[in-house]
């Protein structure tokens, strides 16, 4: 066994020690970029990402890909709806002197209320980074740090969209003799 064989075996072991690969990659072609990162190309619509991130790839299959089979779209939409925002990688500002800790459930409820507020009131996502907005939020709940604009406009928005689409699907599951007029009235009233 020469030194290159030892080096190759060591690299293989290092790769295997990393994070377990997400099943979302089964639906994408990938090319290694290095450091465990990959480019991604959708099997169904051929959309490309210079760096494929599993959360973005899941959102694509659930909400944006027009050519994905329905059972896969449904599976990933349910994953998005069930996933909590507190488990998504983001840093939370906390005060070391403060004894007021937020539970994951409480953070999720605040995040959901925040995204609904921004969407329903037509407030630009860039507002979340404004110093006065941050000051306002922290005066209400010091232990809560608002998410970044990109997290709000991608991860949280996709999560909320999946929840709403699943609710609509559940409501319409047992309905019969629906017309487009009925569906339009249902969407407007809810």
Protein backbone atom coordinates (compact mmCIF):
# COMPACT_ATOMS: atom_id res chain seq x y z
CA UNK A 1 0.00 0.00 0.00
CA UNK A 2 1.62 3.27 -1.06
CA UNK A 3 1.03 6.76 0.34
CA UNK A 4 -1.53 7.73 -2.35
CA UNK A 5 -3.70 4.71 -1.47
CA UNK A 6 -3.56 5.71 2.18
CA UNK A 7 -4.45 9.31 1.27
CA UNK A 8 -7.41 8.18 -0.89
CA UNK A 9 -8.73 5.90 1.87
CA UNK A 10 -8.41 8.73 4.40
CA UNK A 11 -10.42 11.07 2.12
CA UNK A 12 -13.14 8.44 1.70
CA UNK A 13 -13.41 8.08 5.48
CA UNK A 14 -13.62 11.86 5.92
CA UNK A 15 -16.48 12.07 3.43
CA UNK A 16 -18.34 9.25 5.16
CA UNK A 17 -18.06 11.00 8.53
CA UNK A 18 -20.01 14.02 7.30
CA UNK A 19 -23.71 14.75 7.40
CA UNK A 20 -26.03 12.09 5.98
CA UNK A 21 -27.10 12.95 2.43
CA UNK A 22 -30.70 14.09 1.99
CA UNK A 23 -33.07 11.96 -0.11
CA UNK A 24 -33.94 15.07 -2.13
CA UNK A 25 -30.74 14.41 -4.11
CA UNK A 26 -32.47 11.37 -5.67
CA UNK A 27 -34.31 13.87 -7.90
CA UNK A 28 -31.26 15.86 -9.01
CA UNK A 29 -28.11 15.35 -11.03
CA UNK A 30 -25.15 16.57 -9.00
CA UNK A 31 -21.55 17.53 -9.69
CA UNK A 32 -19.09 17.94 -6.81
CA UNK A 33 -17.84 21.45 -6.02
CA UNK A 34 -15.61 20.44 -3.12
CA UNK A 35 -16.04 20.52 0.66
CA UNK A 36 -19.15 18.33 0.37
CA UNK A 37 -21.05 20.84 -1.79
CA UNK A 38 -22.60 20.10 -5.19
CA UNK A 39 -24.16 21.79 -8.18
CA UNK A 40 -27.67 20.53 -8.86
CA UNK A 41 -29.85 20.01 -11.94
CA UNK A 42 -33.47 18.89 -11.62
CA UNK A 43 -34.27 15.54 -13.28
CA UNK A 44 -37.69 16.81 -14.34
CA UNK A 45 -37.31 20.40 -15.59
CA UNK A 46 -33.50 20.71 -15.91
CA UNK A 47 -33.30 23.87 -13.76
CA UNK A 48 -29.74 24.41 -12.49
CA UNK A 49 -28.29 25.64 -9.20
CA UNK A 50 -24.63 26.56 -8.88
CA UNK A 51 -24.77 25.28 -5.30
CA UNK A 52 -27.63 22.96 -4.41
CA UNK A 53 -28.95 23.36 -0.88
CA UNK A 54 -31.41 20.65 0.25
CA UNK A 55 -34.01 23.11 1.62
CA UNK A 56 -34.10 25.02 -1.68
CA UNK A 57 -34.22 21.79 -3.68
CA UNK A 58 -37.15 20.52 -1.57
CA UNK A 59 -39.00 23.81 -2.10
CA UNK A 60 -38.41 23.54 -5.84
CA UNK A 61 -39.97 20.07 -6.00
CA UNK A 62 -42.90 21.03 -3.77
CA UNK A 63 -43.80 24.44 -5.15
CA UNK A 64 -42.06 25.41 -8.38
CA UNK A 65 -41.23 22.42 -10.62
CA UNK A 66 -43.96 22.03 -13.25
CA UNK A 67 -42.80 18.62 -14.53
CA UNK A 68 -42.37 16.68 -11.27
CA UNK A 69 -44.78 13.72 -10.79
CA UNK A 70 -47.70 14.55 -8.50
CA UNK A 71 -46.81 11.97 -5.82
CA UNK A 72 -43.32 13.47 -5.44
CA UNK A 73 -44.70 17.03 -5.37
CA UNK A 74 -47.19 15.99 -2.67
CA UNK A 75 -44.50 14.23 -0.61
CA UNK A 76 -42.23 17.27 -0.56
CA UNK A 77 -45.12 19.69 0.04
CA UNK A 78 -46.04 17.70 3.16
CA UNK A 79 -42.39 17.75 4.27
CA UNK A 80 -42.33 21.53 3.92
CA UNK A 81 -45.62 21.96 5.78
CA UNK A 82 -44.58 19.69 8.65
CA UNK A 83 -41.06 21.09 9.00
CA UNK A 84 -40.73 23.66 11.76
CA UNK A 85 -38.92 26.93 11.28
CA UNK A 86 -36.89 26.45 14.47
CA UNK A 87 -35.18 23.38 13.03
CA UNK A 88 -34.05 25.32 9.99
CA UNK A 89 -30.51 26.57 10.38
CA UNK A 90 -30.56 30.13 11.60
CA UNK A 91 -28.89 31.96 14.43
CA UNK A 92 -31.04 33.41 17.21
CA UNK A 93 -29.88 36.44 19.16
CA UNK A 94 -30.21 35.90 22.89
CA UNK A 95 -29.21 37.97 25.89
CA UNK A 96 -26.94 36.13 28.32
CA UNK A 97 -28.43 38.07 31.26
CA UNK A 98 -32.03 37.40 30.25
CA UNK A 99 -33.83 34.53 31.92
CA UNK A 100 -36.63 34.69 29.34
CA UNK A 101 -35.92 31.77 27.00
CA UNK A 102 -38.12 31.04 24.01
CA UNK A 103 -39.20 27.48 23.37
CA UNK A 104 -38.98 26.10 19.83
CA UNK A 105 -42.78 25.99 19.67
CA UNK A 106 -43.05 29.65 20.70
CA UNK A 107 -40.43 30.67 18.10
CA UNK A 108 -42.38 28.79 15.42
CA UNK A 109 -45.60 30.61 16.36
CA UNK A 110 -43.86 33.99 16.26
CA UNK A 111 -42.23 33.16 12.90
CA UNK A 112 -45.58 32.08 11.45
CA UNK A 113 -47.29 35.25 12.69
CA UNK A 114 -44.43 37.34 11.28
CA UNK A 115 -44.60 35.84 7.77
CA UNK A 116 -48.41 36.18 7.72
CA UNK A 117 -48.11 39.82 8.82
CA UNK A 118 -45.62 40.61 6.05
CA UNK A 119 -47.63 38.82 3.35
CA UNK A 120 -51.15 39.95 4.29
CA UNK A 121 -50.15 43.58 4.85
CA UNK A 122 -47.95 43.79 1.76
CA UNK A 123 -44.88 44.85 3.71
CA UNK A 124 -41.54 44.45 1.87
CA UNK A 125 -39.30 41.71 3.26
CA UNK A 126 -36.40 44.18 3.43
CA UNK A 127 -38.17 45.83 6.40
CA UNK A 128 -37.12 42.94 8.61
CA UNK A 129 -33.51 44.19 8.56
CA UNK A 130 -34.36 47.82 9.41
CA UNK A 131 -32.93 48.88 12.80
CA UNK A 132 -36.27 50.34 13.96
CA UNK A 133 -38.09 47.10 13.14
CA UNK A 134 -35.47 45.05 15.01
CA UNK A 135 -35.74 47.43 17.97
CA UNK A 136 -39.55 47.14 17.90
CA UNK A 137 -39.48 43.32 17.85
CA UNK A 138 -36.90 43.10 20.62
CA UNK A 139 -38.87 45.54 22.78
CA UNK A 140 -41.82 43.12 22.53
CA UNK A 141 -39.80 39.95 23.11
CA UNK A 142 -36.11 40.40 23.82
CA UNK A 143 -35.24 36.71 23.40
CA UNK A 144 -36.56 36.67 19.82
CA UNK A 145 -34.30 37.74 16.98
CA UNK A 146 -36.13 38.30 13.70
CA UNK A 147 -34.95 36.21 10.74
CA UNK A 148 -32.93 37.64 7.87
CA UNK A 149 -34.76 38.94 4.80
CA UNK A 150 -33.69 35.97 2.67
CA UNK A 151 -34.82 33.45 5.28
CA UNK A 152 -38.18 35.20 5.55
CA UNK A 153 -38.68 35.41 1.78
CA UNK A 154 -37.59 31.84 1.01
CA UNK A 155 -37.69 29.33 3.85
CA UNK A 156 -40.57 30.80 5.89
CA UNK A 157 -42.60 31.81 2.84
CA UNK A 158 -42.24 28.33 1.30
CA UNK A 159 -43.17 26.71 4.62
CA UNK A 160 -46.31 28.86 4.97
CA UNK A 161 -47.25 28.30 1.31
CA UNK A 162 -47.04 24.54 1.81
CA UNK A 163 -49.24 24.75 4.93
CA UNK A 164 -51.91 26.74 3.08
CA UNK A 165 -51.85 24.46 0.03
CA UNK A 166 -52.23 21.39 2.27
CA UNK A 167 -55.20 23.02 4.06
CA UNK A 168 -56.87 23.75 0.72
CA UNK A 169 -56.21 20.19 -0.45
CA UNK A 170 -57.74 18.77 2.76
CA UNK A 171 -60.80 21.02 2.50
CA UNK A 172 -61.40 20.08 -1.12
CA UNK A 173 -60.70 16.36 -0.69
CA UNK A 174 -64.29 15.43 0.15
CA UNK A 175 -66.09 17.99 -2.01
CA UNK A 176 -68.04 16.89 -5.07
CA UNK A 177 -69.38 18.68 -8.14
CA UNK A 178 -66.96 21.57 -7.86
CA UNK A 179 -66.75 24.19 -10.56
CA UNK A 180 -64.14 26.88 -11.02
CA UNK A 181 -66.62 29.39 -9.59
CA UNK A 182 -66.95 27.32 -6.40
CA UNK A 183 -63.19 27.03 -6.11
CA UNK A 184 -62.73 30.77 -6.65
CA UNK A 185 -65.32 31.59 -3.97
CA UNK A 186 -63.66 29.12 -1.58
CA UNK A 187 -60.22 30.69 -2.07
CA UNK A 188 -61.56 34.23 -1.63
CA UNK A 189 -63.57 33.41 1.52
CA UNK A 190 -60.65 31.63 3.21
